[in-house]
Amino acid sequence: MEPSHEIVKALADPARLRVFAAIVLAGDDGTGLAELHAVHPRADQALPRLVRAGLVTTAGHGFRAAPAAFREAAAAARAAVPDAPEGTAVDVAHLYSAGRLTVIPTRRATRVAVLRDLAERLFAFDRVYSQAEITEALAEVHDDPLTLRRELIDELLLERTLGGREYRRREAPPLQEGRETPAK
């Protein structure tokens, strides 16, 4: 079972959730079973499921929260990329929902990664596209295809003729680290 599902199932029970909260609030020192019984009389029944889900570890004679379980579950969910279109780069797949790009990132490095991914998946190097074809392809993945088209041109992933009737895929120069584009 995927780790995120295991975590959700473990915390879906109110008793286990209260026990887990008490363990989290105990901090890095952890807490013992006696203290947990004060929170919930059947804490000993909740603990095995929390341990199995990776949310709690045993520490000496007590229990500690294991926040790394959430990071690992998030990483596993991102790796599964169920919502991103096939072929989407793993580093930008989390920006998709139901096959559509949910946001155009403001951070330049992430935005360029998304634009490169779109260019690679949607446009071939050896082909000339009309403005309508570019807009239609981008509209399939985002509600603002005109902004995406402009960004693809600005980042040198697409080039257009002076009249704007023909577009071609272009290989962009490498992204310079630390350089942010000014706000438009």
N, C-alpha and C. Protein backbone atom coordinates (compact mmCIF):
# COMPACT_ATOMS: atom_id res chain seq x y z
N MET A 1 0.85 -1.17 0.00
CA MET A 1 0.00 0.00 0.00
C MET A 1 0.90 1.24 0.00
N GLU A 2 0.50 2.26 -0.72
CA GLU A 2 1.26 3.51 -0.78
C GLU A 2 1.36 4.12 0.62
N PRO A 3 2.53 4.65 1.00
CA PRO A 3 2.71 5.19 2.35
C PRO A 3 1.68 6.25 2.74
N SER A 4 1.31 7.12 1.80
CA SER A 4 0.34 8.16 2.16
C SER A 4 -1.02 7.57 2.51
N HIS A 5 -1.39 6.49 1.86
CA HIS A 5 -2.66 5.84 2.19
C HIS A 5 -2.59 5.23 3.59
N GLU A 6 -1.46 4.63 3.90
CA GLU A 6 -1.28 4.01 5.22
C GLU A 6 -1.35 5.07 6.32
N ILE A 7 -0.75 6.23 6.07
CA ILE A 7 -0.77 7.32 7.05
C ILE A 7 -2.20 7.84 7.24
N VAL A 8 -2.89 8.05 6.15
CA VAL A 8 -4.27 8.57 6.25
C VAL A 8 -5.15 7.58 6.98
N LYS A 9 -5.01 6.31 6.66
CA LYS A 9 -5.83 5.30 7.34
C LYS A 9 -5.50 5.23 8.83
N ALA A 10 -4.23 5.38 9.17
CA ALA A 10 -3.84 5.32 10.58
C ALA A 10 -4.39 6.51 11.35
N LEU A 11 -4.44 7.67 10.73
CA LEU A 11 -4.89 8.87 11.43
C LEU A 11 -6.40 9.12 11.27
N ALA A 12 -7.07 8.30 10.50
CA ALA A 12 -8.51 8.49 10.29
C ALA A 12 -9.33 8.14 11.52
N ASP A 13 -8.78 7.32 12.38
CA ASP A 13 -9.47 6.94 13.60
C ASP A 13 -9.23 8.02 14.67
N PRO A 14 -10.30 8.59 15.25
CA PRO A 14 -10.12 9.67 16.24
C PRO A 14 -9.25 9.28 17.44
N ALA A 15 -9.35 8.05 17.89
CA ALA A 15 -8.54 7.61 19.04
C ALA A 15 -7.06 7.61 18.66
N ARG A 16 -6.73 7.05 17.51
CA ARG A 16 -5.33 7.03 17.07
C ARG A 16 -4.82 8.45 16.84
N LEU A 17 -5.67 9.31 16.32
CA LEU A 17 -5.28 10.69 16.08
C LEU A 17 -4.94 11.40 17.39
N ARG A 18 -5.75 11.18 18.44
CA ARG A 18 -5.47 11.78 19.74
C ARG A 18 -4.16 11.25 20.32
N VAL A 19 -3.95 9.96 20.19
CA VAL A 19 -2.71 9.36 20.70
C VAL A 19 -1.51 9.93 19.93
N PHE A 20 -1.63 10.01 18.62
CA PHE A 20 -0.54 10.57 17.80
C PHE A 20 -0.28 12.02 18.18
N ALA A 21 -1.33 12.80 18.38
CA ALA A 21 -1.17 14.21 18.77
C ALA A 21 -0.42 14.31 20.10
N ALA A 22 -0.74 13.46 21.05
CA ALA A 22 -0.06 13.47 22.34
C ALA A 22 1.43 13.14 22.18
N ILE A 23 1.73 12.23 21.28
CA ILE A 23 3.13 11.86 21.04
C ILE A 23 3.87 13.03 20.38
N VAL A 24 3.22 13.67 19.42
CA VAL A 24 3.84 14.83 18.76
C VAL A 24 4.09 15.94 19.77
N LEU A 25 3.12 16.22 20.61
CA LEU A 25 3.25 17.29 21.60
C LEU A 25 4.31 16.99 22.66
N ALA A 26 4.63 15.72 22.84
CA ALA A 26 5.66 15.35 23.81
C ALA A 26 7.05 15.77 23.34
N GLY A 27 7.20 16.03 22.05
CA GLY A 27 8.47 16.51 21.52
C GLY A 27 9.47 15.41 21.29
N ASP A 28 10.74 15.82 21.21
CA ASP A 28 11.81 14.89 20.88
C ASP A 28 12.10 13.87 21.97
N ASP A 29 11.72 14.19 23.19
CA ASP A 29 11.97 13.25 24.30
C ASP A 29 11.02 12.06 24.25
N GLY A 30 9.90 12.22 23.60
CA GLY A 30 8.91 11.15 23.53
C GLY A 30 8.07 11.08 24.79
N THR A 31 7.26 10.07 24.85
CA THR A 31 6.36 9.89 25.98
C THR A 31 6.16 8.41 26.23
N GLY A 32 5.78 8.10 27.45
CA GLY A 32 5.58 6.70 27.81
C GLY A 32 4.13 6.28 27.69
N LEU A 33 3.91 4.99 27.81
CA LEU A 33 2.56 4.44 27.68
C LEU A 33 1.64 4.96 28.79
N ALA A 34 2.16 5.16 29.99
CA ALA A 34 1.33 5.67 31.10
C ALA A 34 0.78 7.05 30.77
N GLU A 35 1.63 7.93 30.22
CA GLU A 35 1.17 9.27 29.85
C GLU A 35 0.14 9.20 28.72
N LEU A 36 0.34 8.28 27.80
CA LEU A 36 -0.60 8.13 26.69
C LEU A 36 -1.95 7.61 27.18
N HIS A 37 -1.95 6.77 28.19
CA HIS A 37 -3.22 6.28 28.75
C HIS A 37 -4.02 7.42 29.35
N ALA A 38 -3.36 8.46 29.83
CA ALA A 38 -4.07 9.63 30.36
C ALA A 38 -4.83 10.36 29.25
N VAL A 39 -4.30 10.31 28.03
CA VAL A 39 -4.96 10.93 26.88
C VAL A 39 -6.09 10.06 26.37
N HIS A 40 -5.81 8.79 26.28
CA HIS A 40 -6.82 7.85 25.78
C HIS A 40 -6.62 6.51 26.47
N PRO A 41 -7.67 5.97 27.09
CA PRO A 41 -7.53 4.73 27.86
C PRO A 41 -7.08 3.52 27.03
N ARG A 42 -7.31 3.55 25.73
CA ARG A 42 -6.90 2.41 24.91
C ARG A 42 -5.74 2.77 23.98
N ALA A 43 -4.82 3.56 24.50
CA ALA A 43 -3.66 3.98 23.71
C ALA A 43 -2.85 2.79 23.23
N ASP A 44 -2.76 1.75 24.06
CA ASP A 44 -1.99 0.58 23.68
C ASP A 44 -2.56 -0.11 22.44
N GLN A 45 -3.86 0.07 22.17
CA GLN A 45 -4.46 -0.50 20.96
C GLN A 45 -4.18 0.36 19.73
N ALA A 46 -4.00 1.66 19.93
CA ALA A 46 -3.75 2.57 18.81
C ALA A 46 -2.29 2.52 18.35
N LEU A 47 -1.38 2.26 19.25
CA LEU A 47 0.05 2.35 18.94
C LEU A 47 0.53 1.41 17.83
N PRO A 48 0.13 0.15 17.79
CA PRO A 48 0.66 -0.72 16.73
C PRO A 48 0.38 -0.19 15.32
N ARG A 49 -0.79 0.36 15.11
CA ARG A 49 -1.13 0.89 13.78
C ARG A 49 -0.29 2.13 13.46
N LEU A 50 -0.06 2.98 14.45
CA LEU A 50 0.76 4.18 14.25
C LEU A 50 2.22 3.80 13.96
N VAL A 51 2.70 2.77 14.64
CA VAL A 51 4.07 2.30 14.40
C VAL A 51 4.16 1.68 13.01
N ARG A 52 3.19 0.85 12.64
CA ARG A 52 3.17 0.20 11.33
C ARG A 52 3.14 1.22 10.20
N ALA A 53 2.44 2.34 10.40
CA ALA A 53 2.36 3.39 9.38
C ALA A 53 3.64 4.22 9.33
N GLY A 54 4.55 4.00 10.28
CA GLY A 54 5.80 4.74 10.30
C GLY A 54 5.71 6.10 10.97
N LEU A 55 4.57 6.38 11.59
CA LEU A 55 4.37 7.68 12.23
C LEU A 55 4.99 7.77 13.60
N VAL A 56 5.19 6.63 14.25
CA VAL A 56 5.70 6.58 15.61
C VAL A 56 6.82 5.56 15.68
N THR A 57 7.86 5.91 16.42
CA THR A 57 8.95 4.97 16.68
C THR A 57 9.06 4.78 18.18
N THR A 58 9.64 3.66 18.57
CA THR A 58 9.87 3.43 20.01
C THR A 58 11.19 4.07 20.37
N ALA A 59 11.20 4.74 21.51
CA ALA A 59 12.41 5.42 22.00
C ALA A 59 12.62 5.01 23.44
N GLY A 60 13.52 4.07 23.66
CA GLY A 60 13.75 3.58 25.02
C GLY A 60 12.49 2.92 25.54
N HIS A 61 11.88 3.51 26.56
CA HIS A 61 10.64 2.96 27.12
C HIS A 61 9.43 3.78 26.70
N GLY A 62 9.61 4.62 25.68
CA GLY A 62 8.52 5.48 25.26
C GLY A 62 8.36 5.50 23.75
N PHE A 63 7.61 6.48 23.30
CA PHE A 63 7.28 6.60 21.88
C PHE A 63 7.57 8.02 21.41
N ARG A 64 8.08 8.14 20.17
CA ARG A 64 8.37 9.43 19.57
C ARG A 64 7.71 9.51 18.20
N ALA A 65 7.35 10.73 17.80
CA ALA A 65 6.80 10.95 16.46
C ALA A 65 7.93 10.84 15.44
N ALA A 66 7.59 10.39 14.25
CA ALA A 66 8.57 10.25 13.16
C ALA A 66 8.10 11.09 11.97
N PRO A 67 8.40 12.40 11.98
CA PRO A 67 7.92 13.27 10.91
C PRO A 67 8.46 12.92 9.52
N ALA A 68 9.55 12.19 9.47
CA ALA A 68 10.10 11.79 8.17
C ALA A 68 9.10 10.95 7.39
N ALA A 69 8.18 10.29 8.08
CA ALA A 69 7.16 9.48 7.38
C ALA A 69 6.34 10.32 6.42
N PHE A 70 6.07 11.57 6.79
CA PHE A 70 5.29 12.44 5.91
C PHE A 70 6.10 12.82 4.67
N ARG A 71 7.39 13.14 4.85
CA ARG A 71 8.25 13.48 3.71
C ARG A 71 8.37 12.29 2.76
N GLU A 72 8.57 11.10 3.33
CA GLU A 72 8.71 9.92 2.49
C GLU A 72 7.42 9.60 1.73
N ALA A 73 6.28 9.79 2.40
CA ALA A 73 4.99 9.55 1.74
C ALA A 73 4.76 10.56 0.62
N ALA A 74 5.12 11.82 0.85
CA ALA A 74 4.97 12.84 -0.18
C ALA A 74 5.87 12.54 -1.37
N ALA A 75 7.10 12.10 -1.11
CA ALA A 75 8.02 11.76 -2.20
C ALA A 75 7.49 10.56 -3.00
N ALA A 76 6.94 9.58 -2.31
CA ALA A 76 6.38 8.41 -3.01
C ALA A 76 5.18 8.80 -3.86
N ALA A 77 4.35 9.70 -3.33
CA ALA A 77 3.17 10.15 -4.09
C ALA A 77 3.61 10.93 -5.33
N ARG A 78 4.64 11.78 -5.17
CA ARG A 78 5.14 12.54 -6.33
C ARG A 78 5.72 11.60 -7.37
N ALA A 79 6.41 10.57 -6.93
CA ALA A 79 7.02 9.63 -7.86
C ALA A 79 5.96 8.86 -8.64
N ALA A 80 4.81 8.66 -8.02
CA ALA A 80 3.73 7.93 -8.70
C ALA A 80 3.11 8.76 -9.81
N VAL A 81 3.17 10.08 -9.72
CA VAL A 81 2.62 11.05 -10.68
C VAL A 81 1.31 10.63 -11.35
N PRO A 82 0.27 10.33 -10.58
CA PRO A 82 -0.96 9.89 -11.21
C PRO A 82 -1.71 10.99 -11.96
N ASP A 83 -1.50 12.25 -11.59
CA ASP A 83 -2.27 13.33 -12.21
C ASP A 83 -1.57 14.00 -13.37
N ALA A 84 -0.30 13.75 -13.56
CA ALA A 84 0.44 14.39 -14.63
C ALA A 84 0.28 13.59 -15.93
N PRO A 85 0.27 14.29 -17.06
CA PRO A 85 0.20 13.56 -18.34
C PRO A 85 1.41 12.65 -18.52
N GLU A 86 1.25 11.62 -19.30
CA GLU A 86 2.34 10.68 -19.55
C GLU A 86 3.52 11.41 -20.15
N GLY A 87 4.70 11.10 -19.66
CA GLY A 87 5.91 11.71 -20.18
C GLY A 87 6.30 13.00 -19.48
N THR A 88 5.50 13.45 -18.54
CA THR A 88 5.82 14.68 -17.82
C THR A 88 7.07 14.47 -16.97
N ALA A 89 7.93 15.47 -16.96
CA ALA A 89 9.15 15.39 -16.14
C ALA A 89 8.75 15.26 -14.67
N VAL A 90 9.45 14.39 -13.94
CA VAL A 90 9.13 14.11 -12.54
C VAL A 90 9.24 15.37 -11.68
N ASP A 91 10.19 16.25 -12.00
CA ASP A 91 10.40 17.44 -11.17
C ASP A 91 9.29 18.48 -11.28
N VAL A 92 8.41 18.36 -12.27
CA VAL A 92 7.29 19.30 -12.39
C VAL A 92 5.93 18.60 -12.32
N ALA A 93 5.92 17.30 -12.16
CA ALA A 93 4.66 16.54 -12.16
C ALA A 93 3.72 16.97 -11.04
N HIS A 94 4.27 17.43 -9.91
CA HIS A 94 3.42 17.85 -8.79
C HIS A 94 2.60 19.09 -9.11
N LEU A 95 2.89 19.77 -10.21
CA LEU A 95 2.15 20.98 -10.59
C LEU A 95 0.90 20.66 -11.42
N TYR A 96 0.63 19.38 -11.63
CA TYR A 96 -0.51 18.95 -12.43
C TYR A 96 -1.61 18.35 -11.57
N SER A 97 -2.83 18.53 -12.03
CA SER A 97 -3.98 17.88 -11.41
C SER A 97 -4.94 17.51 -12.54
N ALA A 98 -5.34 16.26 -12.56
CA ALA A 98 -6.24 15.75 -13.60
C ALA A 98 -5.70 16.05 -14.99
N GLY A 99 -4.37 15.94 -15.15
CA GLY A 99 -3.76 16.11 -16.46
C GLY A 99 -3.53 17.55 -16.90
N ARG A 100 -3.88 18.50 -16.04
CA ARG A 100 -3.73 19.91 -16.41
C ARG A 100 -2.79 20.63 -15.45
N LEU A 101 -2.04 21.54 -15.99
CA LEU A 101 -1.13 22.36 -15.20
C LEU A 101 -1.97 23.26 -14.31
N THR A 102 -1.73 23.22 -13.01
CA THR A 102 -2.57 23.98 -12.08
C THR A 102 -2.09 25.41 -11.89
N VAL A 103 -0.81 25.66 -12.15
CA VAL A 103 -0.24 26.98 -11.90
C VAL A 103 0.96 27.18 -12.80
N ILE A 104 1.19 28.43 -13.20
CA ILE A 104 2.43 28.78 -13.87
C ILE A 104 3.34 29.32 -12.77
N PRO A 105 4.39 28.60 -12.46
CA PRO A 105 5.24 28.98 -11.32
C PRO A 105 5.83 30.39 -11.48
N THR A 106 5.99 31.08 -10.37
CA THR A 106 6.59 32.41 -10.40
C THR A 106 8.11 32.33 -10.27
N ARG A 107 8.59 31.32 -9.58
CA ARG A 107 10.05 31.14 -9.46
C ARG A 107 10.58 30.73 -10.84
N ARG A 108 11.56 31.48 -11.33
CA ARG A 108 12.00 31.31 -12.71
C ARG A 108 12.50 29.90 -13.01
N ALA A 109 13.30 29.34 -12.15
CA ALA A 109 13.86 28.01 -12.43
C ALA A 109 12.75 26.97 -12.58
N THR A 110 11.73 27.04 -11.74
CA THR A 110 10.61 26.10 -11.83
C THR A 110 9.78 26.37 -13.08
N ARG A 111 9.54 27.66 -13.36
CA ARG A 111 8.76 28.03 -14.55
C ARG A 111 9.46 27.53 -15.81
N VAL A 112 10.77 27.71 -15.90
CA VAL A 112 11.52 27.26 -17.07
C VAL A 112 11.47 25.74 -17.18
N ALA A 113 11.54 25.05 -16.05
CA ALA A 113 11.44 23.58 -16.08
C ALA A 113 10.08 23.15 -16.63
N VAL A 114 9.01 23.83 -16.23
CA VAL A 114 7.68 23.52 -16.76
C VAL A 114 7.62 23.81 -18.26
N LEU A 115 8.14 24.96 -18.67
CA LEU A 115 8.11 25.33 -20.08
C LEU A 115 8.93 24.37 -20.93
N ARG A 116 10.09 23.95 -20.45
CA ARG A 116 10.89 22.97 -21.19
C ARG A 116 10.14 21.65 -21.32
N ASP A 117 9.50 21.25 -20.24
CA ASP A 117 8.72 20.02 -20.27
C ASP A 117 7.60 20.12 -21.30
N LEU A 118 6.87 21.23 -21.30
CA LEU A 118 5.79 21.43 -22.27
C LEU A 118 6.33 21.42 -23.70
N ALA A 119 7.41 22.13 -23.93
CA ALA A 119 7.99 22.19 -25.28
C ALA A 119 8.39 20.80 -25.75
N GLU A 120 9.02 20.02 -24.87
CA GLU A 120 9.45 18.67 -25.25
C GLU A 120 8.28 17.76 -25.56
N ARG A 121 7.22 17.86 -24.75
CA ARG A 121 6.10 16.95 -24.94
C ARG A 121 5.16 17.37 -26.06
N LEU A 122 5.04 18.67 -26.32
CA LEU A 122 4.00 19.15 -27.24
C LEU A 122 4.48 19.55 -28.63
N PHE A 123 5.76 19.90 -28.75
CA PHE A 123 6.22 20.46 -30.02
C PHE A 123 7.49 19.79 -30.51
N ALA A 124 7.49 19.43 -31.81
CA ALA A 124 8.63 18.77 -32.43
C ALA A 124 9.56 19.82 -33.05
N PHE A 125 10.84 19.50 -33.11
CA PHE A 125 11.82 20.42 -33.70
C PHE A 125 11.65 20.56 -35.21
N ASP A 126 11.25 19.50 -35.87
CA ASP A 126 11.25 19.49 -37.33
C ASP A 126 9.90 19.89 -37.94
N ARG A 127 9.18 20.74 -37.29
CA ARG A 127 7.84 21.08 -37.75
C ARG A 127 7.57 22.56 -37.57
N VAL A 128 6.78 23.13 -38.48
CA VAL A 128 6.33 24.52 -38.38
C VAL A 128 4.89 24.48 -37.89
N TYR A 129 4.57 25.32 -36.89
CA TYR A 129 3.24 25.36 -36.30
C TYR A 129 2.60 26.72 -36.57
N SER A 130 1.29 26.71 -36.70
CA SER A 130 0.55 27.98 -36.78
C SER A 130 0.29 28.47 -35.36
N GLN A 131 -0.07 29.73 -35.24
CA GLN A 131 -0.38 30.29 -33.93
C GLN A 131 -1.55 29.53 -33.30
N ALA A 132 -2.53 29.18 -34.10
CA ALA A 132 -3.70 28.45 -33.60
C ALA A 132 -3.30 27.07 -33.07
N GLU A 133 -2.37 26.39 -33.74
CA GLU A 133 -1.94 25.07 -33.28
C GLU A 133 -1.21 25.16 -31.94
N ILE A 134 -0.39 26.18 -31.81
CA ILE A 134 0.34 26.37 -30.54
C ILE A 134 -0.66 26.64 -29.42
N THR A 135 -1.57 27.57 -29.66
CA THR A 135 -2.56 27.95 -28.65
C THR A 135 -3.44 26.77 -28.28
N GLU A 136 -3.87 26.01 -29.26
CA GLU A 136 -4.73 24.85 -29.00
C GLU A 136 -4.00 23.79 -28.17
N ALA A 137 -2.75 23.51 -28.50
CA ALA A 137 -1.98 22.51 -27.74
C ALA A 137 -1.80 22.96 -26.29
N LEU A 138 -1.52 24.23 -26.08
CA LEU A 138 -1.32 24.74 -24.72
C LEU A 138 -2.64 24.83 -23.95
N ALA A 139 -3.74 25.08 -24.65
CA ALA A 139 -5.05 25.13 -24.00
C ALA A 139 -5.45 23.76 -23.45
N GLU A 140 -4.89 22.70 -24.00
CA GLU A 140 -5.17 21.36 -23.49
C GLU A 140 -4.59 21.13 -22.10
N VAL A 141 -3.55 21.92 -21.75
CA VAL A 141 -2.90 21.69 -20.46
C VAL A 141 -3.07 22.82 -19.46
N HIS A 142 -3.55 24.00 -19.90
CA HIS A 142 -3.69 25.13 -18.96
C HIS A 142 -4.75 26.10 -19.46
N ASP A 143 -5.37 26.80 -18.50
CA ASP A 143 -6.44 27.75 -18.82
C ASP A 143 -5.94 29.04 -19.46
N ASP A 144 -4.64 29.31 -19.39
CA ASP A 144 -4.09 30.53 -19.96
C ASP A 144 -3.02 30.20 -21.01
N PRO A 145 -3.45 29.70 -22.17
CA PRO A 145 -2.47 29.29 -23.18
C PRO A 145 -1.68 30.47 -23.76
N LEU A 146 -2.26 31.66 -23.75
CA LEU A 146 -1.56 32.81 -24.32
C LEU A 146 -0.34 33.18 -23.47
N THR A 147 -0.48 33.12 -22.16
CA THR A 147 0.66 33.39 -21.29
C THR A 147 1.73 32.32 -21.49
N LEU A 148 1.32 31.07 -21.57
CA LEU A 148 2.30 30.00 -21.80
C LEU A 148 3.02 30.19 -23.13
N ARG A 149 2.28 30.57 -24.17
CA ARG A 149 2.89 30.79 -25.48
C ARG A 149 3.93 31.91 -25.40
N ARG A 150 3.56 33.00 -24.75
CA ARG A 150 4.46 34.14 -24.60
C ARG A 150 5.71 33.73 -23.80
N GLU A 151 5.49 32.96 -22.73
CA GLU A 151 6.62 32.52 -21.91
C GLU A 151 7.54 31.58 -22.69
N LEU A 152 6.99 30.70 -23.51
CA LEU A 152 7.80 29.81 -24.34
C LEU A 152 8.67 30.61 -25.30
N ILE A 153 8.15 31.69 -25.83
CA ILE A 153 8.92 32.55 -26.73
C ILE A 153 9.96 33.33 -25.94
N ASP A 154 9.55 33.90 -24.81
CA ASP A 154 10.49 34.68 -23.99
C ASP A 154 11.67 33.84 -23.51
N GLU A 155 11.43 32.57 -23.21
CA GLU A 155 12.50 31.68 -22.74
C GLU A 155 13.21 30.96 -23.88
N LEU A 156 12.94 31.39 -25.12
CA LEU A 156 13.62 30.89 -26.31
C LEU A 156 13.38 29.41 -26.59
N LEU A 157 12.23 28.92 -26.17
CA LEU A 157 11.86 27.53 -26.47
C LEU A 157 11.05 27.45 -27.76
N LEU A 158 10.39 28.53 -28.11
CA LEU A 158 9.70 28.67 -29.39
C LEU A 158 10.19 29.96 -30.03
N GLU A 159 10.23 29.97 -31.35
CA GLU A 159 10.50 31.21 -32.06
C GLU A 159 9.39 31.41 -33.07
N ARG A 160 9.12 32.66 -33.38
CA ARG A 160 8.05 32.95 -34.33
C ARG A 160 8.56 33.90 -35.39
N THR A 161 7.88 33.89 -36.52
CA THR A 161 8.21 34.84 -37.57
C THR A 161 7.76 36.22 -37.13
N LEU A 162 8.24 37.25 -37.80
CA LEU A 162 7.89 38.62 -37.43
C LEU A 162 6.39 38.85 -37.44
N GLY A 163 5.69 38.26 -38.37
CA GLY A 163 4.24 38.42 -38.44
C GLY A 163 3.48 37.56 -37.44
N GLY A 164 4.18 36.64 -36.77
CA GLY A 164 3.56 35.79 -35.78
C GLY A 164 2.69 34.69 -36.35
N ARG A 165 2.87 34.37 -37.62
CA ARG A 165 2.04 33.33 -38.24
C ARG A 165 2.66 31.94 -38.11
N GLU A 166 3.97 31.87 -38.04
CA GLU A 166 4.64 30.58 -37.96
C GLU A 166 5.49 30.50 -36.71
N TYR A 167 5.47 29.31 -36.11
CA TYR A 167 6.24 29.06 -34.90
C TYR A 167 7.04 27.79 -35.10
N ARG A 168 8.23 27.77 -34.51
CA ARG A 168 9.09 26.59 -34.54
C ARG A 168 9.63 26.35 -33.15
N ARG A 169 9.88 25.10 -32.85
CA ARG A 169 10.53 24.72 -31.59
C ARG A 169 11.98 25.13 -31.68
N ARG A 170 12.51 25.60 -30.59
CA ARG A 170 13.89 26.05 -30.55
C ARG A 170 14.51 25.53 -29.27
N GLU A 171 15.79 25.22 -29.31
CA GLU A 171 16.49 24.78 -28.11
C GLU A 171 16.94 26.01 -27.33
N ALA A 172 16.57 26.08 -26.09
CA ALA A 172 16.89 27.24 -25.25
C ALA A 172 18.31 27.17 -24.74
N PRO A 173 18.89 28.34 -24.47
CA PRO A 173 20.20 28.34 -23.82
C PRO A 173 20.04 27.86 -22.39
N PRO A 174 21.12 27.43 -21.76
CA PRO A 174 21.00 26.95 -20.38
C PRO A 174 20.54 28.06 -19.44
N LEU A 175 19.80 27.67 -18.43
CA LEU A 175 19.31 28.60 -17.42
C LEU A 175 20.47 29.03 -16.54
N GLN A 176 20.62 30.33 -16.35
CA GLN A 176 21.68 30.84 -15.48
C GLN A 176 21.16 30.85 -14.06
N GLU A 177 21.87 30.15 -13.18
CA GLU A 177 21.46 30.07 -11.78
C GLU A 177 21.50 31.45 -11.14
N GLY A 178 20.50 31.69 -10.29
CA GLY A 178 20.46 32.93 -9.53
C GLY A 178 19.86 34.10 -10.29
N ARG A 179 19.64 33.97 -11.57
CA ARG A 179 19.07 35.07 -12.36
C ARG A 179 17.57 34.95 -12.34
N GLU A 180 16.92 35.94 -11.86
CA GLU A 180 15.46 36.01 -11.85
C GLU A 180 15.02 37.06 -12.83
N THR A 181 13.96 36.80 -13.57
CA THR A 181 13.46 37.81 -14.48
C THR A 181 12.67 38.84 -13.70
N PRO A 182 12.71 40.10 -14.11
CA PRO A 182 11.94 41.11 -13.39
C PRO A 182 10.45 40.88 -13.55
N ALA A 183 9.68 41.36 -12.60
CA ALA A 183 8.22 41.22 -12.65
C ALA A 183 7.68 41.96 -13.84
N LYS A 184 6.68 41.38 -14.46
CA LYS A 184 6.07 42.00 -15.65
C LYS A 184 4.87 42.80 -15.26
